[in-house]
């Protein structure tokens, strides 16, 4: 496994192991859990996490289409949060933020909606 700038692999994998072992409470089916993990990995820009969960998802029978849908949804939420943060920073610095309806609220112009 290659080392990525700014990515502490020694810190990632123990967390993945602990979380997977604690998850076995039966409240969520494995495929749903893996889709959430894949989306969170993509939103966090964590390549090693995504690769880890992608292997598990493939072994569990998830299709490429299901995985891509989870990743695309995560990226919509991430983009919306980024836009709101950017506008908040501009406002805090006394700059005029663009008028945006993106606050992840359901609306026709929402960046987080489908």
PDB file of N, CA and C in Angstrom:
ATOM      1  N   UNK A   1       0.844  -1.177   0.000  1.00  0.00           N
ATOM      2  CA  UNK A   1       0.000   0.000   0.000  1.00  0.00           C
ATOM      3  C   UNK A   1       0.888   1.238   0.000  1.00  0.00           C
ATOM      4  N   UNK A   2       0.551   2.179  -0.833  1.00  0.00           N
ATOM      5  CA  UNK A   2       1.359   3.392  -0.924  1.00  0.00           C
ATOM      6  C   UNK A   2       0.952   4.401   0.133  1.00  0.00           C
ATOM      7  N   UNK A   3       1.921   5.193   0.538  1.00  0.00           N
ATOM      8  CA  UNK A   3       1.653   6.241   1.513  1.00  0.00           C
ATOM      9  C   UNK A   3       1.211   7.497   0.783  1.00  0.00           C
ATOM     10  N   UNK A   4       0.147   8.089   1.245  1.00  0.00           N
ATOM     11  CA  UNK A   4      -0.390   9.287   0.618  1.00  0.00           C
ATOM     12  C   UNK A   4      -0.065  10.501   1.466  1.00  0.00           C
ATOM     13  N   UNK A   5       0.261  11.631   0.837  1.00  0.00           N
ATOM     14  CA  UNK A   5       0.547  12.836   1.618  1.00  0.00           C
ATOM     15  C   UNK A   5      -0.644  13.203   2.497  1.00  0.00           C
ATOM     16  N   UNK A   6      -0.356  13.452   3.765  1.00  0.00           N
ATOM     17  CA  UNK A   6      -1.417  13.880   4.674  1.00  0.00           C
ATOM     18  C   UNK A   6      -2.324  12.762   5.141  1.00  0.00           C
ATOM     19  N   UNK A   7      -1.999  11.528   4.804  1.00  0.00           N
ATOM     20  CA  UNK A   7      -2.859  10.411   5.184  1.00  0.00           C
ATOM     21  C   UNK A   7      -2.102   9.504   6.135  1.00  0.00           C
ATOM     22  N   UNK A   8      -2.543   9.405   7.362  1.00  0.00           N
ATOM     23  CA  UNK A   8      -1.900   8.601   8.379  1.00  0.00           C
ATOM     24  C   UNK A   8      -2.511   7.203   8.360  1.00  0.00           C
ATOM     25  N   UNK A   9      -1.924   6.330   7.549  1.00  0.00           N
ATOM     26  CA  UNK A   9      -2.479   4.985   7.406  1.00  0.00           C
ATOM     27  C   UNK A   9      -2.429   4.193   8.702  1.00  0.00           C
ATOM     28  N   UNK A  10      -1.421   4.426   9.514  1.00  0.00           N
ATOM     29  CA  UNK A  10      -1.342   3.689  10.770  1.00  0.00           C
ATOM     30  C   UNK A  10      -2.492   4.073  11.701  1.00  0.00           C
ATOM     31  N   UNK A  11      -3.060   5.246  11.513  1.00  0.00           N
ATOM     32  CA  UNK A  11      -4.188   5.674  12.326  1.00  0.00           C
ATOM     33  C   UNK A  11      -5.528   5.254  11.765  1.00  0.00           C
ATOM     34  N   UNK A  12      -5.590   4.999  10.468  1.00  0.00           N
ATOM     35  CA  UNK A  12      -6.867   4.680   9.823  1.00  0.00           C
ATOM     36  C   UNK A  12      -7.306   3.249  10.084  1.00  0.00           C
ATOM     37  N   UNK A  13      -6.430   2.300   9.856  1.00  0.00           N
ATOM     38  CA  UNK A  13      -6.855   0.914   9.881  1.00  0.00           C
ATOM     39  C   UNK A  13      -7.245   0.396  11.256  1.00  0.00           C
ATOM     40  N   UNK A  14      -6.594   0.819  12.353  1.00  0.00           N
ATOM     41  CA  UNK A  14      -7.127   0.397  13.662  1.00  0.00           C
ATOM     42  C   UNK A  14      -8.543   0.920  13.899  1.00  0.00           C
ATOM     43  N   UNK A  15      -8.837   2.122  13.425  1.00  0.00           N
ATOM     44  CA  UNK A  15     -10.187   2.678  13.576  1.00  0.00           C
ATOM     45  C   UNK A  15     -11.179   1.864  12.772  1.00  0.00           C
ATOM     46  N   UNK A  16     -10.806   1.488  11.541  1.00  0.00           N
ATOM     47  CA  UNK A  16     -11.695   0.674  10.717  1.00  0.00           C
ATOM     48  C   UNK A  16     -11.985  -0.654  11.403  1.00  0.00           C
ATOM     49  N   UNK A  17     -10.954  -1.286  11.955  1.00  0.00           N
ATOM     50  CA  UNK A  17     -11.120  -2.578  12.593  1.00  0.00           C
ATOM     51  C   UNK A  17     -12.040  -2.482  13.802  1.00  0.00           C
ATOM     52  N   UNK A  18     -11.813  -1.501  14.651  1.00  0.00           N
ATOM     53  CA  UNK A  18     -12.642  -1.332  15.852  1.00  0.00           C
ATOM     54  C   UNK A  18     -14.082  -1.066  15.454  1.00  0.00           C
ATOM     55  N   UNK A  19     -14.289  -0.172  14.511  1.00  0.00           N
ATOM     56  CA  UNK A  19     -15.653   0.177  14.112  1.00  0.00           C
ATOM     57  C   UNK A  19     -16.383  -1.003  13.492  1.00  0.00           C
ATOM     58  N   UNK A  20     -15.692  -1.805  12.689  1.00  0.00           N
ATOM     59  CA  UNK A  20     -16.342  -2.964  12.075  1.00  0.00           C
ATOM     60  C   UNK A  20     -16.735  -3.983  13.143  1.00  0.00           C
ATOM     61  N   UNK A  21     -15.905  -4.175  14.137  1.00  0.00           N
ATOM     62  CA  UNK A  21     -16.211  -5.143  15.181  1.00  0.00           C
ATOM     63  C   UNK A  21     -17.317  -4.655  16.108  1.00  0.00           C
ATOM     64  N   UNK A  22     -17.449  -3.366  16.289  1.00  0.00           N
ATOM     65  CA  UNK A  22     -18.505  -2.822  17.129  1.00  0.00           C
ATOM     66  C   UNK A  22     -19.838  -2.767  16.386  1.00  0.00           C
ATOM     67  N   UNK A  23     -19.803  -2.795  15.049  1.00  0.00           N
ATOM     68  CA  UNK A  23     -21.000  -2.639  14.240  1.00  0.00           C
ATOM     69  C   UNK A  23     -21.903  -3.871  14.286  1.00  0.00           C
ATOM     70  N   UNK A  24     -21.455  -4.966  14.683  1.00  0.00           N
ATOM     71  CA  UNK A  24     -22.190  -6.218  14.576  1.00  0.00           C
ATOM     72  C   UNK A  24     -23.361  -6.313  15.561  1.00  0.00           C
ATOM     73  N   UNK A  25     -24.181  -5.318  15.598  1.00  0.00           N
ATOM     74  CA  UNK A  25     -25.334  -5.317  16.491  1.00  0.00           C
ATOM     75  C   UNK A  25     -26.608  -5.739  15.755  1.00  0.00           C
ATOM     76  N   UNK A  26     -26.548  -5.863  14.437  1.00  0.00           N
ATOM     77  CA  UNK A  26     -27.681  -6.345  13.681  1.00  0.00           C
ATOM     78  C   UNK A  26     -28.746  -5.312  13.394  1.00  0.00           C
ATOM     79  N   UNK A  27     -28.465  -4.037  13.619  1.00  0.00           N
ATOM     80  CA  UNK A  27     -29.468  -3.005  13.381  1.00  0.00           C
ATOM     81  C   UNK A  27     -29.545  -2.602  11.913  1.00  0.00           C
ATOM     82  N   UNK A  28     -28.480  -2.886  11.174  1.00  0.00           N
ATOM     83  CA  UNK A  28     -28.426  -2.496   9.774  1.00  0.00           C
ATOM     84  C   UNK A  28     -27.837  -3.662   8.986  1.00  0.00           C
ATOM     85  N   UNK A  29     -28.380  -3.919   7.806  1.00  0.00           N
ATOM     86  CA  UNK A  29     -27.820  -5.009   7.015  1.00  0.00           C
ATOM     87  C   UNK A  29     -26.433  -4.625   6.496  1.00  0.00           C
ATOM     88  N   UNK A  30     -25.633  -5.629   6.185  1.00  0.00           N
ATOM     89  CA  UNK A  30     -24.237  -5.413   5.803  1.00  0.00           C
ATOM     90  C   UNK A  30     -24.097  -4.534   4.561  1.00  0.00           C
ATOM     91  N   UNK A  31     -24.926  -4.737   3.562  1.00  0.00           N
ATOM     92  CA  UNK A  31     -24.799  -3.957   2.325  1.00  0.00           C
ATOM     93  C   UNK A  31     -25.069  -2.472   2.561  1.00  0.00           C
ATOM     94  N   UNK A  32     -26.088  -2.174   3.351  1.00  0.00           N
ATOM     95  CA  UNK A  32     -26.385  -0.774   3.666  1.00  0.00           C
ATOM     96  C   UNK A  32     -25.222  -0.142   4.422  1.00  0.00           C
ATOM     97  N   UNK A  33     -24.707  -0.879   5.380  1.00  0.00           N
ATOM     98  CA  UNK A  33     -23.570  -0.387   6.146  1.00  0.00           C
ATOM     99  C   UNK A  33     -22.369  -0.113   5.242  1.00  0.00           C
ATOM    100  N   UNK A  34     -22.094  -1.011   4.325  1.00  0.00           N
ATOM    101  CA  UNK A  34     -20.966  -0.829   3.402  1.00  0.00           C
ATOM    102  C   UNK A  34     -21.173   0.368   2.477  1.00  0.00           C
ATOM    103  N   UNK A  35     -22.400   0.580   2.028  1.00  0.00           N
ATOM    104  CA  UNK A  35     -22.681   1.742   1.176  1.00  0.00           C
ATOM    105  C   UNK A  35     -22.446   3.043   1.945  1.00  0.00           C
ATOM    106  N   UNK A  36     -22.836   3.071   3.200  1.00  0.00           N
ATOM    107  CA  UNK A  36     -22.598   4.254   4.032  1.00  0.00           C
ATOM    108  C   UNK A  36     -21.104   4.466   4.209  1.00  0.00           C
ATOM    109  N   UNK A  37     -20.376   3.396   4.484  1.00  0.00           N
ATOM    110  CA  UNK A  37     -18.919   3.503   4.653  1.00  0.00           C
ATOM    111  C   UNK A  37     -18.240   3.983   3.376  1.00  0.00           C
ATOM    112  N   UNK A  38     -18.701   3.509   2.236  1.00  0.00           N
ATOM    113  CA  UNK A  38     -18.131   3.951   0.956  1.00  0.00           C
ATOM    114  C   UNK A  38     -18.407   5.429   0.719  1.00  0.00           C
ATOM    115  N   UNK A  39     -19.631   5.857   1.000  1.00  0.00           N
ATOM    116  CA  UNK A  39     -19.971   7.270   0.840  1.00  0.00           C
ATOM    117  C   UNK A  39     -19.170   8.143   1.785  1.00  0.00           C
ATOM    118  N   UNK A  40     -19.039   7.710   3.027  1.00  0.00           N
ATOM    119  CA  UNK A  40     -18.266   8.484   4.001  1.00  0.00           C
ATOM    120  C   UNK A  40     -16.794   8.534   3.604  1.00  0.00           C
ATOM    121  N   UNK A  41     -16.261   7.437   3.100  1.00  0.00           N
ATOM    122  CA  UNK A  41     -14.868   7.406   2.650  1.00  0.00           C
ATOM    123  C   UNK A  41     -14.644   8.388   1.509  1.00  0.00           C
ATOM    124  N   UNK A  42     -15.590   8.415   0.573  1.00  0.00           N
ATOM    125  CA  UNK A  42     -15.469   9.338  -0.567  1.00  0.00           C
ATOM    126  C   UNK A  42     -15.586  10.781  -0.092  1.00  0.00           C
ATOM    127  N   UNK A  43     -16.535  11.061   0.788  1.00  0.00           N
ATOM    128  CA  UNK A  43     -16.727  12.425   1.285  1.00  0.00           C
ATOM    129  C   UNK A  43     -15.523  12.894   2.097  1.00  0.00           C
ATOM    130  N   UNK A  44     -14.848  11.962   2.767  1.00  0.00           N
ATOM    131  CA  UNK A  44     -13.677  12.311   3.568  1.00  0.00           C
ATOM    132  C   UNK A  44     -12.392  12.322   2.744  1.00  0.00           C
ATOM    133  N   UNK A  45     -12.502  12.017   1.463  1.00  0.00           N
ATOM    134  CA  UNK A  45     -11.327  11.944   0.574  1.00  0.00           C
ATOM    135  C   UNK A  45     -10.293  10.947   1.070  1.00  0.00           C
ATOM    136  N   UNK A  46     -10.737   9.842   1.621  1.00  0.00           N
ATOM    137  CA  UNK A  46      -9.825   8.837   2.167  1.00  0.00           C
ATOM    138  C   UNK A  46      -9.725   7.657   1.200  1.00  0.00           C
ATOM    139  N   UNK A  47      -8.690   7.676   0.386  1.00  0.00           N
ATOM    140  CA  UNK A  47      -8.498   6.624  -0.613  1.00  0.00           C
ATOM    141  C   UNK A  47      -8.314   5.252   0.031  1.00  0.00           C
ATOM    142  N   UNK A  48      -7.443   5.121   1.061  1.00  0.00           N
ATOM    143  CA  UNK A  48      -7.294   3.792   1.673  1.00  0.00           C
ATOM    144  C   UNK A  48      -8.601   3.267   2.267  1.00  0.00           C
ATOM    145  N   UNK A  49      -9.395   4.143   2.866  1.00  0.00           N
ATOM    146  CA  UNK A  49     -10.690   3.720   3.422  1.00  0.00           C
ATOM    147  C   UNK A  49     -11.606   3.246   2.298  1.00  0.00           C
ATOM    148  N   UNK A  50     -11.663   4.022   1.212  1.00  0.00           N
ATOM    149  CA  UNK A  50     -12.526   3.642   0.098  1.00  0.00           C
ATOM    150  C   UNK A  50     -12.104   2.298  -0.473  1.00  0.00           C
ATOM    151  N   UNK A  51     -10.797   2.109  -0.672  1.00  0.00           N
ATOM    152  CA  UNK A  51     -10.311   0.835  -1.216  1.00  0.00           C
ATOM    153  C   UNK A  51     -10.668  -0.325  -0.292  1.00  0.00           C
ATOM    154  N   UNK A  52     -10.526  -0.126   0.994  1.00  0.00           N
ATOM    155  CA  UNK A  52     -10.859  -1.149   1.985  1.00  0.00           C
ATOM    156  C   UNK A  52     -12.337  -1.546   1.881  1.00  0.00           C
ATOM    157  N   UNK A  53     -13.211  -0.559   1.901  1.00  0.00           N
ATOM    158  CA  UNK A  53     -14.643  -0.854   1.854  1.00  0.00           C
ATOM    159  C   UNK A  53     -15.102  -1.299   0.477  1.00  0.00           C
ATOM    160  N   UNK A  54     -14.419  -0.871  -0.572  1.00  0.00           N
ATOM    161  CA  UNK A  54     -14.777  -1.318  -1.920  1.00  0.00           C
ATOM    162  C   UNK A  54     -14.559  -2.816  -2.055  1.00  0.00           C
ATOM    163  N   UNK A  55     -13.453  -3.324  -1.524  1.00  0.00           N
ATOM    164  CA  UNK A  55     -13.195  -4.773  -1.550  1.00  0.00           C
ATOM    165  C   UNK A  55     -14.293  -5.521  -0.800  1.00  0.00           C
ATOM    166  N   UNK A  56     -14.648  -5.020   0.365  1.00  0.00           N
ATOM    167  CA  UNK A  56     -15.688  -5.664   1.171  1.00  0.00           C
ATOM    168  C   UNK A  56     -17.047  -5.597   0.460  1.00  0.00           C
ATOM    169  N   UNK A  57     -17.325  -4.465  -0.185  1.00  0.00           N
ATOM    170  CA  UNK A  57     -18.599  -4.299  -0.886  1.00  0.00           C
ATOM    171  C   UNK A  57     -18.691  -5.232  -2.084  1.00  0.00           C
ATOM    172  N   UNK A  58     -17.615  -5.347  -2.823  1.00  0.00           N
ATOM    173  CA  UNK A  58     -17.589  -6.262  -3.969  1.00  0.00           C
ATOM    174  C   UNK A  58     -17.799  -7.694  -3.504  1.00  0.00           C
ATOM    175  N   UNK A  59     -17.128  -8.078  -2.418  1.00  0.00           N
ATOM    176  CA  UNK A  59     -17.270  -9.431  -1.881  1.00  0.00           C
ATOM    177  C   UNK A  59     -18.694  -9.686  -1.374  1.00  0.00           C
ATOM    178  N   UNK A  60     -19.362  -8.631  -0.913  1.00  0.00           N
ATOM    179  CA  UNK A  60     -20.736  -8.759  -0.405  1.00  0.00           C
ATOM    180  C   UNK A  60     -21.771  -8.756  -1.527  1.00  0.00           C
ATOM    181  N   UNK A  61     -21.328  -8.526  -2.770  1.00  0.00           N
ATOM    182  CA  UNK A  61     -22.246  -8.579  -3.902  1.00  0.00           C
ATOM    183  C   UNK A  61     -22.833  -7.253  -4.333  1.00  0.00           C
ATOM    184  N   UNK A  62     -22.319  -6.150  -3.821  1.00  0.00           N
ATOM    185  CA  UNK A  62     -22.813  -4.845  -4.270  1.00  0.00           C
ATOM    186  C   UNK A  62     -22.327  -4.584  -5.687  1.00  0.00           C
ATOM    187  N   UNK A  63     -23.178  -3.977  -6.487  1.00  0.00           N
ATOM    188  CA  UNK A  63     -22.829  -3.695  -7.881  1.00  0.00           C
ATOM    189  C   UNK A  63     -22.103  -2.352  -7.990  1.00  0.00           C
ATOM    190  N   UNK A  64     -21.427  -2.164  -9.097  1.00  0.00           N
ATOM    191  CA  UNK A  64     -20.754  -0.886  -9.356  1.00  0.00           C
ATOM    192  C   UNK A  64     -21.759   0.254  -9.344  1.00  0.00           C
ATOM    193  N   UNK A  65     -22.954   0.009  -9.866  1.00  0.00           N
ATOM    194  CA  UNK A  65     -23.987   1.044  -9.907  1.00  0.00           C
ATOM    195  C   UNK A  65     -24.411   1.452  -8.498  1.00  0.00           C
ATOM    196  N   UNK A  66     -24.566   0.489  -7.601  1.00  0.00           N
ATOM    197  CA  UNK A  66     -24.944   0.804  -6.226  1.00  0.00           C
ATOM    198  C   UNK A  66     -23.846   1.606  -5.529  1.00  0.00           C
ATOM    199  N   UNK A  67     -22.601   1.207  -5.753  1.00  0.00           N
ATOM    200  CA  UNK A  67     -21.468   1.900  -5.142  1.00  0.00           C
ATOM    201  C   UNK A  67     -21.369   3.320  -5.676  1.00  0.00           C
ATOM    202  N   UNK A  68     -21.499   3.481  -6.987  1.00  0.00           N
ATOM    203  CA  UNK A  68     -21.428   4.820  -7.576  1.00  0.00           C
ATOM    204  C   UNK A  68     -22.553   5.717  -7.074  1.00  0.00           C
ATOM    205  N   UNK A  69     -23.744   5.158  -6.887  1.00  0.00           N
ATOM    206  CA  UNK A  69     -24.853   5.959  -6.369  1.00  0.00           C
ATOM    207  C   UNK A  69     -24.549   6.465  -4.960  1.00  0.00           C
ATOM    208  N   UNK A  70     -24.002   5.591  -4.115  1.00  0.00           N
ATOM    209  CA  UNK A  70     -23.649   6.004  -2.753  1.00  0.00           C
ATOM    210  C   UNK A  70     -22.597   7.099  -2.772  1.00  0.00           C
ATOM    211  N   UNK A  71     -21.605   6.952  -3.631  1.00  0.00           N
ATOM    212  CA  UNK A  71     -20.524   7.940  -3.731  1.00  0.00           C
ATOM    213  C   UNK A  71     -21.057   9.265  -4.276  1.00  0.00           C
ATOM    214  N   UNK A  72     -21.919   9.210  -5.271  1.00  0.00           N
ATOM    215  CA  UNK A  72     -22.482  10.437  -5.836  1.00  0.00           C
ATOM    216  C   UNK A  72     -23.339  11.183  -4.809  1.00  0.00           C
ATOM    217  N   UNK A  73     -24.117  10.452  -4.017  1.00  0.00           N
ATOM    218  CA  UNK A  73     -24.924  11.095  -2.971  1.00  0.00           C
ATOM    219  C   UNK A  73     -24.024  11.748  -1.929  1.00  0.00           C
ATOM    220  N   UNK A  74     -22.979  11.049  -1.532  1.00  0.00           N
ATOM    221  CA  UNK A  74     -22.036  11.614  -0.557  1.00  0.00           C
ATOM    222  C   UNK A  74     -21.373  12.867  -1.109  1.00  0.00           C
ATOM    223  N   UNK A  75     -21.033  12.840  -2.380  1.00  0.00           N
ATOM    224  CA  UNK A  75     -20.391  14.005  -2.985  1.00  0.00           C
ATOM    225  C   UNK A  75     -21.340  15.195  -3.080  1.00  0.00           C
ATOM    226  N   UNK A  76     -22.638  14.947  -3.262  1.00  0.00           N
ATOM    227  CA  UNK A  76     -23.606  16.050  -3.257  1.00  0.00           C
ATOM    228  C   UNK A  76     -23.655  16.715  -1.885  1.00  0.00           C
ATOM    229  N   UNK A  77     -23.688  15.903  -0.840  1.00  0.00           N
ATOM    230  CA  UNK A  77     -23.725  16.455   0.514  1.00  0.00           C
ATOM    231  C   UNK A  77     -22.429  17.215   0.789  1.00  0.00           C
ATOM    232  N   UNK A  78     -21.307  16.622   0.412  1.00  0.00           N
ATOM    233  CA  UNK A  78     -20.003  17.264   0.628  1.00  0.00           C
ATOM    234  C   UNK A  78     -19.918  18.592  -0.125  1.00  0.00           C
ATOM    235  N   UNK A  79     -20.388  18.624  -1.358  1.00  0.00           N
ATOM    236  CA  UNK A  79     -20.357  19.860  -2.147  1.00  0.00           C
ATOM    237  C   UNK A  79     -21.232  20.932  -1.523  1.00  0.00           C
ATOM    238  N   UNK A  80     -22.397  20.531  -1.044  1.00  0.00           N
ATOM    239  CA  UNK A  80     -23.298  21.489  -0.408  1.00  0.00           C
ATOM    240  C   UNK A  80     -22.692  22.074   0.853  1.00  0.00           C
ATOM    241  N   UNK A  81     -22.087  21.219   1.650  1.00  0.00           N
ATOM    242  CA  UNK A  81     -21.450  21.696   2.880  1.00  0.00           C
ATOM    243  C   UNK A  81     -20.287  22.628   2.555  1.00  0.00           C
ATOM    244  N   UNK A  82     -19.543  22.303   1.506  1.00  0.00           N
ATOM    245  CA  UNK A  82     -18.419  23.155   1.093  1.00  0.00           C
ATOM    246  C   UNK A  82     -18.914  24.541   0.669  1.00  0.00           C
ATOM    247  N   UNK A  83     -20.004  24.572  -0.082  1.00  0.00           N
ATOM    248  CA  UNK A  83     -20.551  25.839  -0.552  1.00  0.00           C
ATOM    249  C   UNK A  83     -21.020  26.702   0.616  1.00  0.00           C
ATOM    250  N   UNK A  84     -21.705  26.094   1.570  1.00  0.00           N
ATOM    251  CA  UNK A  84     -22.192  26.827   2.734  1.00  0.00           C
ATOM    252  C   UNK A  84     -21.008  27.351   3.551  1.00  0.00           C
ATOM    253  N   UNK A  85     -19.980  26.529   3.731  1.00  0.00           N
ATOM    254  CA  UNK A  85     -18.799  26.956   4.484  1.00  0.00           C
ATOM    255  C   UNK A  85     -18.089  28.104   3.776  1.00  0.00           C
ATOM    256  N   UNK A  86     -17.928  27.990   2.470  1.00  0.00           N
ATOM    257  CA  UNK A  86     -17.268  29.049   1.699  1.00  0.00           C
ATOM    258  C   UNK A  86     -18.030  30.361   1.824  1.00  0.00           C
ATOM    259  N   UNK A  87     -19.340  30.304   1.732  1.00  0.00           N
ATOM    260  CA  UNK A  87     -20.155  31.515   1.857  1.00  0.00           C
ATOM    261  C   UNK A  87     -20.075  32.094   3.265  1.00  0.00           C
ATOM    262  N   UNK A  88     -20.036  31.223   4.267  1.00  0.00           N
ATOM    263  CA  UNK A  88     -19.924  31.679   5.647  1.00  0.00           C
ATOM    264  C   UNK A  88     -18.584  32.389   5.878  1.00  0.00           C
ATOM    265  N   UNK A  89     -17.528  31.843   5.317  1.00  0.00           N
ATOM    266  CA  UNK A  89     -16.208  32.472   5.440  1.00  0.00           C
ATOM    267  C   UNK A  89     -16.210  33.844   4.778  1.00  0.00           C
ATOM    268  N   UNK A  90     -16.790  33.930   3.589  1.00  0.00           N
ATOM    269  CA  UNK A  90     -16.847  35.223   2.897  1.00  0.00           C
ATOM    270  C   UNK A  90     -17.636  36.238   3.716  1.00  0.00           C
ATOM    271  N   UNK A  91     -18.753  35.812   4.276  1.00  0.00           N
ATOM    272  CA  UNK A  91     -19.564  36.707   5.092  1.00  0.00           C
ATOM    273  C   UNK A  91     -18.788  37.160   6.326  1.00  0.00           C
ATOM    274  N   UNK A  92     -18.095  36.238   6.983  1.00  0.00           N
ATOM    275  CA  UNK A  92     -17.296  36.567   8.167  1.00  0.00           C
ATOM    276  C   UNK A  92     -16.188  37.558   7.856  1.00  0.00           C
ATOM    277  N   UNK A  93     -15.683  37.511   6.639  1.00  0.00           N
ATOM    278  CA  UNK A  93     -14.590  38.396   6.250  1.00  0.00           C
ATOM    279  C   UNK A  93     -15.102  39.698   5.648  1.00  0.00           C
ATOM    280  N   UNK A  94     -16.413  39.898   5.701  1.00  0.00           N
ATOM    281  CA  UNK A  94     -16.990  41.135   5.206  1.00  0.00           C
ATOM    282  C   UNK A  94     -17.187  41.171   3.698  1.00  0.00           C
ATOM    283  N   UNK A  95     -17.019  40.048   3.052  1.00  0.00           N
ATOM    284  CA  UNK A  95     -17.262  39.973   1.613  1.00  0.00           C
ATOM    285  C   UNK A  95     -18.688  39.512   1.377  1.00  0.00           C
ATOM    286  N   UNK A  96     -19.198  39.913   0.266  1.00  0.00           N
ATOM    287  CA  UNK A  96     -20.562  39.525  -0.053  1.00  0.00           C
ATOM    288  C   UNK A  96     -20.573  38.112  -0.615  1.00  0.00           C
ATOM    289  N   UNK A  97     -21.280  37.234   0.054  1.00  0.00           N
ATOM    290  CA  UNK A  97     -21.409  35.858  -0.416  1.00  0.00           C
ATOM    291  C   UNK A  97     -22.491  35.805  -1.480  1.00  0.00           C
ATOM    292  N   UNK A  98     -22.308  34.954  -2.485  1.00  0.00           N
ATOM    293  CA  UNK A  98     -23.344  34.827  -3.519  1.00  0.00           C
ATOM    294  C   UNK A  98     -24.644  34.315  -2.912  1.00  0.00           C
ATOM    295  N   UNK A  99     -25.753  34.801  -3.431  1.00  0.00           N
ATOM    296  CA  UNK A  99     -27.055  34.338  -2.965  1.00  0.00           C
ATOM    297  C   UNK A  99     -27.207  32.886  -3.389  1.00  0.00           C
ATOM    298  N   UNK A 100     -27.311  32.028  -2.421  1.00  0.00           N
ATOM    299  CA  UNK A 100     -27.403  30.605  -2.713  1.00  0.00           C
ATOM    300  C   UNK A 100     -28.475  29.996  -1.841  1.00  0.00           C
ATOM    301  N   UNK A 101     -29.279  29.132  -2.429  1.00  0.00           N
ATOM    302  CA  UNK A 101     -30.302  28.448  -1.645  1.00  0.00           C
ATOM    303  C   UNK A 101     -29.744  27.158  -1.066  1.00  0.00           C
ATOM    304  N   UNK A 102     -28.459  26.933  -1.276  1.00  0.00           N
ATOM    305  CA  UNK A 102     -27.877  25.680  -0.819  1.00  0.00           C
ATOM    306  C   UNK A 102     -27.618  25.726   0.674  1.00  0.00           C
ATOM    307  N   UNK A 103     -28.447  25.066   1.394  1.00  0.00           N
ATOM    308  CA  UNK A 103     -28.254  24.888   2.818  1.00  0.00           C
ATOM    309  C   UNK A 103     -28.659  23.473   3.172  1.00  0.00           C
ATOM    310  N   UNK A 104     -28.674  22.640   2.166  1.00  0.00           N
ATOM    311  CA  UNK A 104     -29.084  21.248   2.296  1.00  0.00           C
ATOM    312  C   UNK A 104     -30.530  21.132   2.750  1.00  0.00           C
ATOM    313  N   UNK A 105     -31.314  22.132   2.448  1.00  0.00           N
ATOM    314  CA  UNK A 105     -32.740  22.080   2.712  1.00  0.00           C
ATOM    315  C   UNK A 105     -33.424  21.627   1.421  1.00  0.00           C
ATOM    316  N   UNK A 106     -34.482  20.879   1.548  1.00  0.00           N
ATOM    317  CA  UNK A 106     -35.166  20.436   0.330  1.00  0.00           C
ATOM    318  C   UNK A 106     -35.760  21.612  -0.431  1.00  0.00           C
ATOM    319  N   UNK A 107     -35.273  21.839  -1.590  1.00  0.00           N
ATOM    320  CA  UNK A 107     -35.805  22.876  -2.466  1.00  0.00           C
ATOM    321  C   UNK A 107     -35.401  22.533  -3.883  1.00  0.00           C
ATOM    322  N   UNK A 108     -36.045  23.122  -4.878  1.00  0.00           N
ATOM    323  CA  UNK A 108     -35.675  22.819  -6.262  1.00  0.00           C
ATOM    324  C   UNK A 108     -34.218  23.161  -6.582  1.00  0.00           C
ATOM    325  N   UNK A 109     -33.641  24.138  -5.888  1.00  0.00           N
ATOM    326  CA  UNK A 109     -32.274  24.547  -6.162  1.00  0.00           C
ATOM    327  C   UNK A 109     -31.271  23.930  -5.190  1.00  0.00           C
ATOM    328  N   UNK A 110     -31.709  23.037  -4.329  1.00  0.00           N
ATOM    329  CA  UNK A 110     -30.835  22.478  -3.317  1.00  0.00           C
ATOM    330  C   UNK A 110     -29.681  21.709  -3.935  1.00  0.00           C
ATOM    331  N   UNK A 111     -28.493  21.931  -3.421  1.00  0.00           N
ATOM    332  CA  UNK A 111     -27.315  21.227  -3.918  1.00  0.00           C
ATOM    333  C   UNK A 111     -27.255  19.814  -3.365  1.00  0.00           C
ATOM    334  N   UNK A 112     -27.987  19.541  -2.324  1.00  0.00           N
ATOM    335  CA  UNK A 112     -27.920  18.227  -1.696  1.00  0.00           C
ATOM    336  C   UNK A 112     -29.030  17.295  -2.200  1.00  0.00           C
ATOM    337  N   UNK A 113     -30.040  17.843  -2.805  1.00  0.00           N
ATOM    338  CA  UNK A 113     -31.147  17.029  -3.277  1.00  0.00           C
ATOM    339  C   UNK A 113     -30.807  16.348  -4.583  1.00  0.00           C
ATOM    340  N   UNK A 114     -31.661  15.450  -4.969  1.00  0.00           N
ATOM    341  CA  UNK A 114     -31.393  14.719  -6.219  1.00  0.00           C
ATOM    342  C   UNK A 114     -32.045  15.406  -7.392  1.00  0.00           C
TER     343      UNK A 114
END
